[in-house]
Amino acid sequence: MAEKENIVDEEQDEIIVLQDEDGKEIEFNHIATLDYNDEWYIYLQPVELEDGMEDDEMFIFKIEEDKDGNDLFNPVEDEDLLQKLYEEYLKECDLEDAKEQEN
């Protein structure tokens, strides 16, 4: 996997297209890519909300590699891990805000 750095995309201007289990393409705004315990996670928010989704709903995927070195996004389903990852995201947002205030 190529070298990565923590990214919080406050502008949410990068669109990532994923396919669901039925092959339907779904567009997501890239929210963040963060390292947590030496594992990389990507935080995505649907461009178009489906029925029952909240405006601030976010999906977190673990970034892994296939045998050819391509990134695979596997959904995080463990509730405890999701909570820790969300807290890590909030910490990164606070760090980004502090950097902006310094400038």
PDB file of N, CA and C in Angstrom:
ATOM      1  N   MET A   1       0.854  -1.177   0.000  1.00  0.00           N
ATOM      2  CA  MET A   1       0.000   0.000   0.000  1.00  0.00           C
ATOM      3  C   MET A   1       0.894   1.232   0.000  1.00  0.00           C
ATOM      4  N   ALA A   2       0.542   2.188  -0.803  1.00  0.00           N
ATOM      5  CA  ALA A   2       1.324   3.412  -0.889  1.00  0.00           C
ATOM      6  C   ALA A   2       1.284   4.160   0.440  1.00  0.00           C
ATOM      7  N   GLU A   3       2.301   4.996   0.650  1.00  0.00           N
ATOM      8  CA  GLU A   3       2.330   5.812   1.859  1.00  0.00           C
ATOM      9  C   GLU A   3       1.082   6.675   1.926  1.00  0.00           C
ATOM     10  N   LYS A   4       0.483   6.736   3.092  1.00  0.00           N
ATOM     11  CA  LYS A   4      -0.715   7.539   3.280  1.00  0.00           C
ATOM     12  C   LYS A   4      -0.490   8.495   4.436  1.00  0.00           C
ATOM     13  N   GLU A   5      -1.294   9.529   4.473  1.00  0.00           N
ATOM     14  CA  GLU A   5      -1.298  10.429   5.616  1.00  0.00           C
ATOM     15  C   GLU A   5      -2.748  10.701   5.974  1.00  0.00           C
ATOM     16  N   ASN A   6      -2.976  11.061   7.232  1.00  0.00           N
ATOM     17  CA  ASN A   6      -4.330  11.375   7.661  1.00  0.00           C
ATOM     18  C   ASN A   6      -4.867  12.548   6.857  1.00  0.00           C
ATOM     19  N   ILE A   7      -6.098  12.405   6.389  1.00  0.00           N
ATOM     20  CA  ILE A   7      -6.756  13.450   5.610  1.00  0.00           C
ATOM     21  C   ILE A   7      -8.149  13.661   6.173  1.00  0.00           C
ATOM     22  N   VAL A   8      -8.483  14.902   6.436  1.00  0.00           N
ATOM     23  CA  VAL A   8      -9.856  15.279   6.760  1.00  0.00           C
ATOM     24  C   VAL A   8     -10.272  16.260   5.669  1.00  0.00           C
ATOM     25  N   ASP A   9     -11.239  15.853   4.860  1.00  0.00           N
ATOM     26  CA  ASP A   9     -11.673  16.634   3.697  1.00  0.00           C
ATOM     27  C   ASP A   9     -12.891  17.467   4.084  1.00  0.00           C
ATOM     28  N   GLU A  10     -12.625  18.621   4.692  1.00  0.00           N
ATOM     29  CA  GLU A  10     -13.725  19.466   5.165  1.00  0.00           C
ATOM     30  C   GLU A  10     -14.560  20.008   4.018  1.00  0.00           C
ATOM     31  N   GLU A  11     -13.971  20.139   2.843  1.00  0.00           N
ATOM     32  CA  GLU A  11     -14.714  20.636   1.683  1.00  0.00           C
ATOM     33  C   GLU A  11     -15.577  19.539   1.068  1.00  0.00           C
ATOM     34  N   GLN A  12     -15.230  18.290   1.347  1.00  0.00           N
ATOM     35  CA  GLN A  12     -15.940  17.124   0.823  1.00  0.00           C
ATOM     36  C   GLN A  12     -16.106  17.226  -0.684  1.00  0.00           C
ATOM     37  N   ASP A  13     -15.001  17.567  -1.370  1.00  0.00           N
ATOM     38  CA  ASP A  13     -15.085  17.772  -2.803  1.00  0.00           C
ATOM     39  C   ASP A  13     -14.622  16.571  -3.623  1.00  0.00           C
ATOM     40  N   GLU A  14     -14.223  15.496  -2.959  1.00  0.00           N
ATOM     41  CA  GLU A  14     -13.817  14.301  -3.689  1.00  0.00           C
ATOM     42  C   GLU A  14     -14.966  13.295  -3.650  1.00  0.00           C
ATOM     43  N   ILE A  15     -15.384  12.835  -4.834  1.00  0.00           N
ATOM     44  CA  ILE A  15     -16.452  11.854  -4.943  1.00  0.00           C
ATOM     45  C   ILE A  15     -15.823  10.484  -5.205  1.00  0.00           C
ATOM     46  N   ILE A  16     -16.269   9.488  -4.464  1.00  0.00           N
ATOM     47  CA  ILE A  16     -15.823   8.111  -4.642  1.00  0.00           C
ATOM     48  C   ILE A  16     -17.050   7.291  -5.006  1.00  0.00           C
ATOM     49  N   VAL A  17     -16.936   6.465  -6.034  1.00  0.00           N
ATOM     50  CA  VAL A  17     -18.051   5.638  -6.481  1.00  0.00           C
ATOM     51  C   VAL A  17     -17.767   4.196  -6.089  1.00  0.00           C
ATOM     52  N   LEU A  18     -18.706   3.600  -5.343  1.00  0.00           N
ATOM     53  CA  LEU A  18     -18.609   2.200  -4.947  1.00  0.00           C
ATOM     54  C   LEU A  18     -19.819   1.459  -5.504  1.00  0.00           C
ATOM     55  N   GLN A  19     -19.681   0.143  -5.614  1.00  0.00           N
ATOM     56  CA  GLN A  19     -20.804  -0.685  -6.039  1.00  0.00           C
ATOM     57  C   GLN A  19     -21.330  -1.454  -4.844  1.00  0.00           C
ATOM     58  N   ASP A  20     -22.672  -1.514  -4.736  1.00  0.00           N
ATOM     59  CA  ASP A  20     -23.256  -2.319  -3.681  1.00  0.00           C
ATOM     60  C   ASP A  20     -23.287  -3.780  -4.114  1.00  0.00           C
ATOM     61  N   GLU A  21     -23.839  -4.641  -3.270  1.00  0.00           N
ATOM     62  CA  GLU A  21     -23.847  -6.086  -3.557  1.00  0.00           C
ATOM     63  C   GLU A  21     -24.660  -6.435  -4.801  1.00  0.00           C
ATOM     64  N   ASP A  22     -25.541  -5.523  -5.243  1.00  0.00           N
ATOM     65  CA  ASP A  22     -26.334  -5.754  -6.449  1.00  0.00           C
ATOM     66  C   ASP A  22     -25.697  -5.140  -7.691  1.00  0.00           C
ATOM     67  N   GLY A  23     -24.505  -4.554  -7.547  1.00  0.00           N
ATOM     68  CA  GLY A  23     -23.818  -3.948  -8.674  1.00  0.00           C
ATOM     69  C   GLY A  23     -24.234  -2.514  -8.955  1.00  0.00           C
ATOM     70  N   LYS A  24     -25.108  -1.951  -8.120  1.00  0.00           N
ATOM     71  CA  LYS A  24     -25.559  -0.566  -8.289  1.00  0.00           C
ATOM     72  C   LYS A  24     -24.450   0.374  -7.814  1.00  0.00           C
ATOM     73  N   GLU A  25     -24.140   1.387  -8.641  1.00  0.00           N
ATOM     74  CA  GLU A  25     -23.119   2.359  -8.269  1.00  0.00           C
ATOM     75  C   GLU A  25     -23.701   3.404  -7.326  1.00  0.00           C
ATOM     76  N   ILE A  26     -22.964   3.691  -6.257  1.00  0.00           N
ATOM     77  CA  ILE A  26     -23.382   4.686  -5.269  1.00  0.00           C
ATOM     78  C   ILE A  26     -22.248   5.684  -5.098  1.00  0.00           C
ATOM     79  N   GLU A  27     -22.586   6.964  -5.200  1.00  0.00           N
ATOM     80  CA  GLU A  27     -21.587   8.025  -5.039  1.00  0.00           C
ATOM     81  C   GLU A  27     -21.506   8.453  -3.580  1.00  0.00           C
ATOM     82  N   PHE A  28     -20.270   8.636  -3.115  1.00  0.00           N
ATOM     83  CA  PHE A  28     -20.005   9.070  -1.751  1.00  0.00           C
ATOM     84  C   PHE A  28     -19.089  10.281  -1.764  1.00  0.00           C
ATOM     85  N   ASN A  29     -19.311  11.173  -0.816  1.00  0.00           N
ATOM     86  CA  ASN A  29     -18.352  12.241  -0.534  1.00  0.00           C
ATOM     87  C   ASN A  29     -17.273  11.662   0.364  1.00  0.00           C
ATOM     88  N   HIS A  30     -16.022  11.985   0.045  1.00  0.00           N
ATOM     89  CA  HIS A  30     -14.902  11.558   0.886  1.00  0.00           C
ATOM     90  C   HIS A  30     -14.832  12.502   2.079  1.00  0.00           C
ATOM     91  N   ILE A  31     -14.986  11.957   3.272  1.00  0.00           N
ATOM     92  CA  ILE A  31     -14.963  12.757   4.500  1.00  0.00           C
ATOM     93  C   ILE A  31     -13.557  12.765   5.108  1.00  0.00           C
ATOM     94  N   ALA A  32     -12.945  11.577   5.189  1.00  0.00           N
ATOM     95  CA  ALA A  32     -11.620  11.473   5.806  1.00  0.00           C
ATOM     96  C   ALA A  32     -10.996  10.129   5.473  1.00  0.00           C
ATOM     97  N   THR A  33      -9.674  10.087   5.569  1.00  0.00           N
ATOM     98  CA  THR A  33      -8.914   8.842   5.545  1.00  0.00           C
ATOM     99  C   THR A  33      -7.954   8.931   6.719  1.00  0.00           C
ATOM    100  N   LEU A  34      -8.100   7.995   7.660  1.00  0.00           N
ATOM    101  CA  LEU A  34      -7.329   8.082   8.906  1.00  0.00           C
ATOM    102  C   LEU A  34      -6.678   6.754   9.263  1.00  0.00           C
ATOM    103  N   ASP A  35      -5.525   6.864   9.910  1.00  0.00           N
ATOM    104  CA  ASP A  35      -4.817   5.722  10.474  1.00  0.00           C
ATOM    105  C   ASP A  35      -5.296   5.533  11.906  1.00  0.00           C
ATOM    106  N   TYR A  36      -5.672   4.308  12.245  1.00  0.00           N
ATOM    107  CA  TYR A  36      -6.047   3.982  13.618  1.00  0.00           C
ATOM    108  C   TYR A  36      -5.418   2.631  13.941  1.00  0.00           C
ATOM    109  N   ASN A  37      -4.526   2.613  14.893  1.00  0.00           N
ATOM    110  CA  ASN A  37      -3.816   1.388  15.296  1.00  0.00           C
ATOM    111  C   ASN A  37      -3.161   0.687  14.106  1.00  0.00           C
ATOM    112  N   ASP A  38      -2.460   1.475  13.299  1.00  0.00           N
ATOM    113  CA  ASP A  38      -1.719   0.970  12.135  1.00  0.00           C
ATOM    114  C   ASP A  38      -2.610   0.309  11.084  1.00  0.00           C
ATOM    115  N   GLU A  39      -3.872   0.659  11.065  1.00  0.00           N
ATOM    116  CA  GLU A  39      -4.807   0.230  10.027  1.00  0.00           C
ATOM    117  C   GLU A  39      -5.420   1.491   9.430  1.00  0.00           C
ATOM    118  N   TRP A  40      -5.696   1.473   8.130  1.00  0.00           N
ATOM    119  CA  TRP A  40      -6.254   2.643   7.461  1.00  0.00           C
ATOM    120  C   TRP A  40      -7.750   2.485   7.247  1.00  0.00           C
ATOM    121  N   TYR A  41      -8.466   3.589   7.482  1.00  0.00           N
ATOM    122  CA  TYR A  41      -9.919   3.609   7.347  1.00  0.00           C
ATOM    123  C   TYR A  41     -10.322   4.821   6.523  1.00  0.00           C
ATOM    124  N   ILE A  42     -11.373   4.638   5.712  1.00  0.00           N
ATOM    125  CA  ILE A  42     -11.908   5.735   4.929  1.00  0.00           C
ATOM    126  C   ILE A  42     -13.335   6.013   5.395  1.00  0.00           C
ATOM    127  N   TYR A  43     -13.643   7.295   5.525  1.00  0.00           N
ATOM    128  CA  TYR A  43     -14.930   7.766   6.027  1.00  0.00           C
ATOM    129  C   TYR A  43     -15.684   8.382   4.852  1.00  0.00           C
ATOM    130  N   LEU A  44     -16.860   7.852   4.553  1.00  0.00           N
ATOM    131  CA  LEU A  44     -17.622   8.285   3.391  1.00  0.00           C
ATOM    132  C   LEU A  44     -19.048   8.647   3.773  1.00  0.00           C
ATOM    133  N   GLN A  45     -19.615   9.594   3.027  1.00  0.00           N
ATOM    134  CA  GLN A  45     -21.000  10.008   3.238  1.00  0.00           C
ATOM    135  C   GLN A  45     -21.704   9.957   1.885  1.00  0.00           C
ATOM    136  N   PRO A  46     -22.890   9.306   1.820  1.00  0.00           N
ATOM    137  CA  PRO A  46     -23.586   9.216   0.534  1.00  0.00           C
ATOM    138  C   PRO A  46     -23.921  10.599  -0.020  1.00  0.00           C
ATOM    139  N   VAL A  47     -23.748  10.765  -1.339  1.00  0.00           N
ATOM    140  CA  VAL A  47     -24.112  12.013  -1.997  1.00  0.00           C
ATOM    141  C   VAL A  47     -25.632  12.178  -1.952  1.00  0.00           C
ATOM    142  N   GLU A  48     -26.344  11.095  -2.263  1.00  0.00           N
ATOM    143  CA  GLU A  48     -27.801  11.109  -2.207  1.00  0.00           C
ATOM    144  C   GLU A  48     -28.244  10.199  -1.075  1.00  0.00           C
ATOM    145  N   LEU A  49     -29.047  10.739  -0.170  1.00  0.00           N
ATOM    146  CA  LEU A  49     -29.509   9.962   0.972  1.00  0.00           C
ATOM    147  C   LEU A  49     -30.644   9.031   0.562  1.00  0.00           C
ATOM    148  N   GLU A  50     -30.561   7.798   1.008  1.00  0.00           N
ATOM    149  CA  GLU A  50     -31.627   6.826   0.808  1.00  0.00           C
ATOM    150  C   GLU A  50     -32.671   7.018   1.902  1.00  0.00           C
ATOM    151  N   ASP A  51     -33.828   6.433   1.725  1.00  0.00           N
ATOM    152  CA  ASP A  51     -34.873   6.505   2.743  1.00  0.00           C
ATOM    153  C   ASP A  51     -34.345   6.021   4.088  1.00  0.00           C
ATOM    154  N   GLY A  52     -34.631   6.768   5.126  1.00  0.00           N
ATOM    155  CA  GLY A  52     -34.231   6.398   6.474  1.00  0.00           C
ATOM    156  C   GLY A  52     -32.842   6.853   6.875  1.00  0.00           C
ATOM    157  N   MET A  53     -32.104   7.487   5.966  1.00  0.00           N
ATOM    158  CA  MET A  53     -30.759   7.968   6.292  1.00  0.00           C
ATOM    159  C   MET A  53     -30.830   9.366   6.877  1.00  0.00           C
ATOM    160  N   GLU A  54     -29.935   9.637   7.805  1.00  0.00           N
ATOM    161  CA  GLU A  54     -29.799  10.953   8.411  1.00  0.00           C
ATOM    162  C   GLU A  54     -28.870  11.816   7.551  1.00  0.00           C
ATOM    163  N   ASP A  55     -29.017  13.149   7.653  1.00  0.00           N
ATOM    164  CA  ASP A  55     -28.158  14.070   6.889  1.00  0.00           C
ATOM    165  C   ASP A  55     -26.686  13.903   7.201  1.00  0.00           C
ATOM    166  N   ASP A  56     -26.366  13.539   8.445  1.00  0.00           N
ATOM    167  CA  ASP A  56     -24.970  13.443   8.857  1.00  0.00           C
ATOM    168  C   ASP A  56     -24.466  12.000   8.907  1.00  0.00           C
ATOM    169  N   GLU A  57     -25.190  11.090   8.282  1.00  0.00           N
ATOM    170  CA  GLU A  57     -24.802   9.680   8.315  1.00  0.00           C
ATOM    171  C   GLU A  57     -23.508   9.466   7.546  1.00  0.00           C
ATOM    172  N   MET A  58     -22.633   8.654   8.128  1.00  0.00           N
ATOM    173  CA  MET A  58     -21.315   8.401   7.577  1.00  0.00           C
ATOM    174  C   MET A  58     -21.053   6.899   7.642  1.00  0.00           C
ATOM    175  N   PHE A  59     -20.346   6.405   6.635  1.00  0.00           N
ATOM    176  CA  PHE A  59     -19.947   5.002   6.607  1.00  0.00           C
ATOM    177  C   PHE A  59     -18.431   4.937   6.727  1.00  0.00           C
ATOM    178  N   ILE A  60     -17.955   3.947   7.488  1.00  0.00           N
ATOM    179  CA  ILE A  60     -16.512   3.787   7.686  1.00  0.00           C
ATOM    180  C   ILE A  60     -16.112   2.421   7.135  1.00  0.00           C
ATOM    181  N   PHE A  61     -15.070   2.438   6.297  1.00  0.00           N
ATOM    182  CA  PHE A  61     -14.563   1.223   5.678  1.00  0.00           C
ATOM    183  C   PHE A  61     -13.095   1.052   6.027  1.00  0.00           C
ATOM    184  N   LYS A  62     -12.692  -0.185   6.288  1.00  0.00           N
ATOM    185  CA  LYS A  62     -11.283  -0.507   6.471  1.00  0.00           C
ATOM    186  C   LYS A  62     -10.673  -0.658   5.084  1.00  0.00           C
ATOM    187  N   ILE A  63      -9.524  -0.023   4.871  1.00  0.00           N
ATOM    188  CA  ILE A  63      -8.845  -0.115   3.575  1.00  0.00           C
ATOM    189  C   ILE A  63      -7.879  -1.293   3.630  1.00  0.00           C
ATOM    190  N   GLU A  64      -8.090  -2.229   2.730  1.00  0.00           N
ATOM    191  CA  GLU A  64      -7.214  -3.382   2.610  1.00  0.00           C
ATOM    192  C   GLU A  64      -6.766  -3.467   1.158  1.00  0.00           C
ATOM    193  N   GLU A  65      -5.921  -4.431   0.851  1.00  0.00           N
ATOM    194  CA  GLU A  65      -5.411  -4.596  -0.513  1.00  0.00           C
ATOM    195  C   GLU A  65      -5.771  -5.961  -1.051  1.00  0.00           C
ATOM    196  N   ASP A  66      -6.076  -6.007  -2.351  1.00  0.00           N
ATOM    197  CA  ASP A  66      -6.235  -7.310  -2.984  1.00  0.00           C
ATOM    198  C   ASP A  66      -4.862  -7.802  -3.427  1.00  0.00           C
ATOM    199  N   LYS A  67      -4.806  -8.964  -4.056  1.00  0.00           N
ATOM    200  CA  LYS A  67      -3.514  -9.553  -4.438  1.00  0.00           C
ATOM    201  C   LYS A  67      -2.753  -8.727  -5.471  1.00  0.00           C
ATOM    202  N   ASP A  68      -3.480  -7.835  -6.181  1.00  0.00           N
ATOM    203  CA  ASP A  68      -2.845  -6.983  -7.188  1.00  0.00           C
ATOM    204  C   ASP A  68      -2.448  -5.614  -6.643  1.00  0.00           C
ATOM    205  N   GLY A  69      -2.670  -5.391  -5.349  1.00  0.00           N
ATOM    206  CA  GLY A  69      -2.300  -4.124  -4.738  1.00  0.00           C
ATOM    207  C   GLY A  69      -3.360  -3.044  -4.831  1.00  0.00           C
ATOM    208  N   ASN A  70      -4.559  -3.413  -5.302  1.00  0.00           N
ATOM    209  CA  ASN A  70      -5.662  -2.453  -5.386  1.00  0.00           C
ATOM    210  C   ASN A  70      -6.350  -2.319  -4.038  1.00  0.00           C
ATOM    211  N   ASP A  71      -6.801  -1.103  -3.729  1.00  0.00           N
ATOM    212  CA  ASP A  71      -7.502  -0.879  -2.462  1.00  0.00           C
ATOM    213  C   ASP A  71      -8.874  -1.545  -2.473  1.00  0.00           C
ATOM    214  N   LEU A  72      -9.197  -2.181  -1.362  1.00  0.00           N
ATOM    215  CA  LEU A  72     -10.526  -2.737  -1.116  1.00  0.00           C
ATOM    216  C   LEU A  72     -11.099  -2.037   0.099  1.00  0.00           C
ATOM    217  N   PHE A  73     -12.364  -1.668   0.050  1.00  0.00           N
ATOM    218  CA  PHE A  73     -13.031  -1.013   1.176  1.00  0.00           C
ATOM    219  C   PHE A  73     -13.995  -2.009   1.801  1.00  0.00           C
ATOM    220  N   ASN A  74     -13.657  -2.474   3.004  1.00  0.00           N
ATOM    221  CA  ASN A  74     -14.508  -3.411   3.727  1.00  0.00           C
ATOM    222  C   ASN A  74     -15.231  -2.688   4.852  1.00  0.00           C
ATOM    223  N   PRO A  75     -16.570  -2.765   4.874  1.00  0.00           N
ATOM    224  CA  PRO A  75     -17.328  -2.022   5.884  1.00  0.00           C
ATOM    225  C   PRO A  75     -16.997  -2.491   7.296  1.00  0.00           C
ATOM    226  N   VAL A  76     -16.868  -1.515   8.199  1.00  0.00           N
ATOM    227  CA  VAL A  76     -16.645  -1.817   9.618  1.00  0.00           C
ATOM    228  C   VAL A  76     -18.024  -2.018  10.238  1.00  0.00           C
ATOM    229  N   GLU A  77     -18.223  -3.163  10.856  1.00  0.00           N
ATOM    230  CA  GLU A  77     -19.522  -3.471  11.432  1.00  0.00           C
ATOM    231  C   GLU A  77     -19.492  -3.585  12.947  1.00  0.00           C
ATOM    232  N   ASP A  78     -18.307  -3.723  13.534  1.00  0.00           N
ATOM    233  CA  ASP A  78     -18.167  -3.839  14.980  1.00  0.00           C
ATOM    234  C   ASP A  78     -18.498  -2.490  15.624  1.00  0.00           C
ATOM    235  N   GLU A  79     -19.538  -2.469  16.457  1.00  0.00           N
ATOM    236  CA  GLU A  79     -20.024  -1.210  17.049  1.00  0.00           C
ATOM    237  C   GLU A  79     -18.969  -0.531  17.928  1.00  0.00           C
ATOM    238  N   ASP A  80     -18.210  -1.308  18.701  1.00  0.00           N
ATOM    239  CA  ASP A  80     -17.173  -0.721  19.554  1.00  0.00           C
ATOM    240  C   ASP A  80     -16.083  -0.066  18.703  1.00  0.00           C
ATOM    241  N   LEU A  81     -15.665  -0.759  17.656  1.00  0.00           N
ATOM    242  CA  LEU A  81     -14.646  -0.198  16.760  1.00  0.00           C
ATOM    243  C   LEU A  81     -15.189   1.038  16.050  1.00  0.00           C
ATOM    244  N   LEU A  82     -16.438   0.992  15.597  1.00  0.00           N
ATOM    245  CA  LEU A  82     -17.033   2.161  14.952  1.00  0.00           C
ATOM    246  C   LEU A  82     -17.000   3.371  15.867  1.00  0.00           C
ATOM    247  N   GLN A  83     -17.313   3.173  17.140  1.00  0.00           N
ATOM    248  CA  GLN A  83     -17.305   4.275  18.100  1.00  0.00           C
ATOM    249  C   GLN A  83     -15.895   4.845  18.257  1.00  0.00           C
ATOM    250  N   LYS A  84     -14.905   3.965  18.360  1.00  0.00           N
ATOM    251  CA  LYS A  84     -13.511   4.411  18.499  1.00  0.00           C
ATOM    252  C   LYS A  84     -13.051   5.157  17.246  1.00  0.00           C
ATOM    253  N   LEU A  85     -13.458   4.659  16.081  1.00  0.00           N
ATOM    254  CA  LEU A  85     -13.085   5.323  14.833  1.00  0.00           C
ATOM    255  C   LEU A  85     -13.748   6.686  14.709  1.00  0.00           C
ATOM    256  N   TYR A  86     -14.987   6.788  15.162  1.00  0.00           N
ATOM    257  CA  TYR A  86     -15.675   8.075  15.130  1.00  0.00           C
ATOM    258  C   TYR A  86     -14.979   9.070  16.066  1.00  0.00           C
ATOM    259  N   GLU A  87     -14.583   8.604  17.257  1.00  0.00           N
ATOM    260  CA  GLU A  87     -13.862   9.461  18.195  1.00  0.00           C
ATOM    261  C   GLU A  87     -12.529   9.914  17.600  1.00  0.00           C
ATOM    262  N   GLU A  88     -11.867   9.020  16.880  1.00  0.00           N
ATOM    263  CA  GLU A  88     -10.603   9.372  16.213  1.00  0.00           C
ATOM    264  C   GLU A  88     -10.853  10.448  15.153  1.00  0.00           C
ATOM    265  N   TYR A  89     -11.945  10.320  14.431  1.00  0.00           N
ATOM    266  CA  TYR A  89     -12.320  11.326  13.432  1.00  0.00           C
ATOM    267  C   TYR A  89     -12.536  12.684  14.091  1.00  0.00           C
ATOM    268  N   LEU A  90     -13.240  12.705  15.223  1.00  0.00           N
ATOM    269  CA  LEU A  90     -13.482  13.966  15.938  1.00  0.00           C
ATOM    270  C   LEU A  90     -12.173  14.602  16.404  1.00  0.00           C
ATOM    271  N   LYS A  91     -11.233  13.766  16.877  1.00  0.00           N
ATOM    272  CA  LYS A  91      -9.926  14.284  17.292  1.00  0.00           C
ATOM    273  C   LYS A  91      -9.194  14.910  16.119  1.00  0.00           C
ATOM    274  N   GLU A  92      -9.223  14.250  14.968  1.00  0.00           N
ATOM    275  CA  GLU A  92      -8.560  14.790  13.775  1.00  0.00           C
ATOM    276  C   GLU A  92      -9.204  16.105  13.346  1.00  0.00           C
ATOM    277  N   CYS A  93     -10.523  16.186  13.436  1.00  0.00           N
ATOM    278  CA  CYS A  93     -11.219  17.435  13.091  1.00  0.00           C
ATOM    279  C   CYS A  93     -10.770  18.565  14.015  1.00  0.00           C
ATOM    280  N   ASP A  94     -10.643  18.257  15.301  1.00  0.00           N
ATOM    281  CA  ASP A  94     -10.174  19.256  16.260  1.00  0.00           C
ATOM    282  C   ASP A  94      -8.755  19.708  15.931  1.00  0.00           C
ATOM    283  N   LEU A  95      -7.886  18.770  15.553  1.00  0.00           N
ATOM    284  CA  LEU A  95      -6.514  19.112  15.173  1.00  0.00           C
ATOM    285  C   LEU A  95      -6.503  20.002  13.931  1.00  0.00           C
ATOM    286  N   GLU A  96      -7.332  19.681  12.949  1.00  0.00           N
ATOM    287  CA  GLU A  96      -7.428  20.492  11.726  1.00  0.00           C
ATOM    288  C   GLU A  96      -7.911  21.906  12.059  1.00  0.00           C
ATOM    289  N   ASP A  97      -8.913  22.011  12.946  1.00  0.00           N
ATOM    290  CA  ASP A  97      -9.427  23.323  13.342  1.00  0.00           C
ATOM    291  C   ASP A  97      -8.350  24.141  14.041  1.00  0.00           C
ATOM    292  N   ALA A  98      -7.579  23.482  14.904  1.00  0.00           N
ATOM    293  CA  ALA A  98      -6.503  24.177  15.626  1.00  0.00           C
ATOM    294  C   ALA A  98      -5.435  24.677  14.647  1.00  0.00           C
ATOM    295  N   LYS A  99      -5.105  23.880  13.632  1.00  0.00           N
ATOM    296  CA  LYS A  99      -4.124  24.292  12.624  1.00  0.00           C
ATOM    297  C   LYS A  99      -4.617  25.514  11.861  1.00  0.00           C
ATOM    298  N   GLU A 100      -5.900  25.502  11.501  1.00  0.00           N
ATOM    299  CA  GLU A 100      -6.468  26.631  10.756  1.00  0.00           C
ATOM    300  C   GLU A 100      -6.473  27.908  11.598  1.00  0.00           C
ATOM    301  N   GLN A 101      -6.723  27.788  12.888  1.00  0.00           N
ATOM    302  CA  GLN A 101      -6.753  28.968  13.763  1.00  0.00           C
ATOM    303  C   GLN A 101      -5.360  29.554  13.936  1.00  0.00           C
ATOM    304  N   GLU A 102      -4.319  28.715  13.846  1.00  0.00           N
ATOM    305  CA  GLU A 102      -2.941  29.194  13.949  1.00  0.00           C
ATOM    306  C   GLU A 102      -2.562  30.034  12.751  1.00  0.00           C
ATOM    307  N   ASN A 103      -3.161  29.725  11.605  1.00  0.00           N
ATOM    308  CA  ASN A 103      -2.816  30.436  10.357  1.00  0.00           C
ATOM    309  C   ASN A 103      -3.569  31.685  10.247  1.00  0.00           C
TER     310      ASN A 103
END
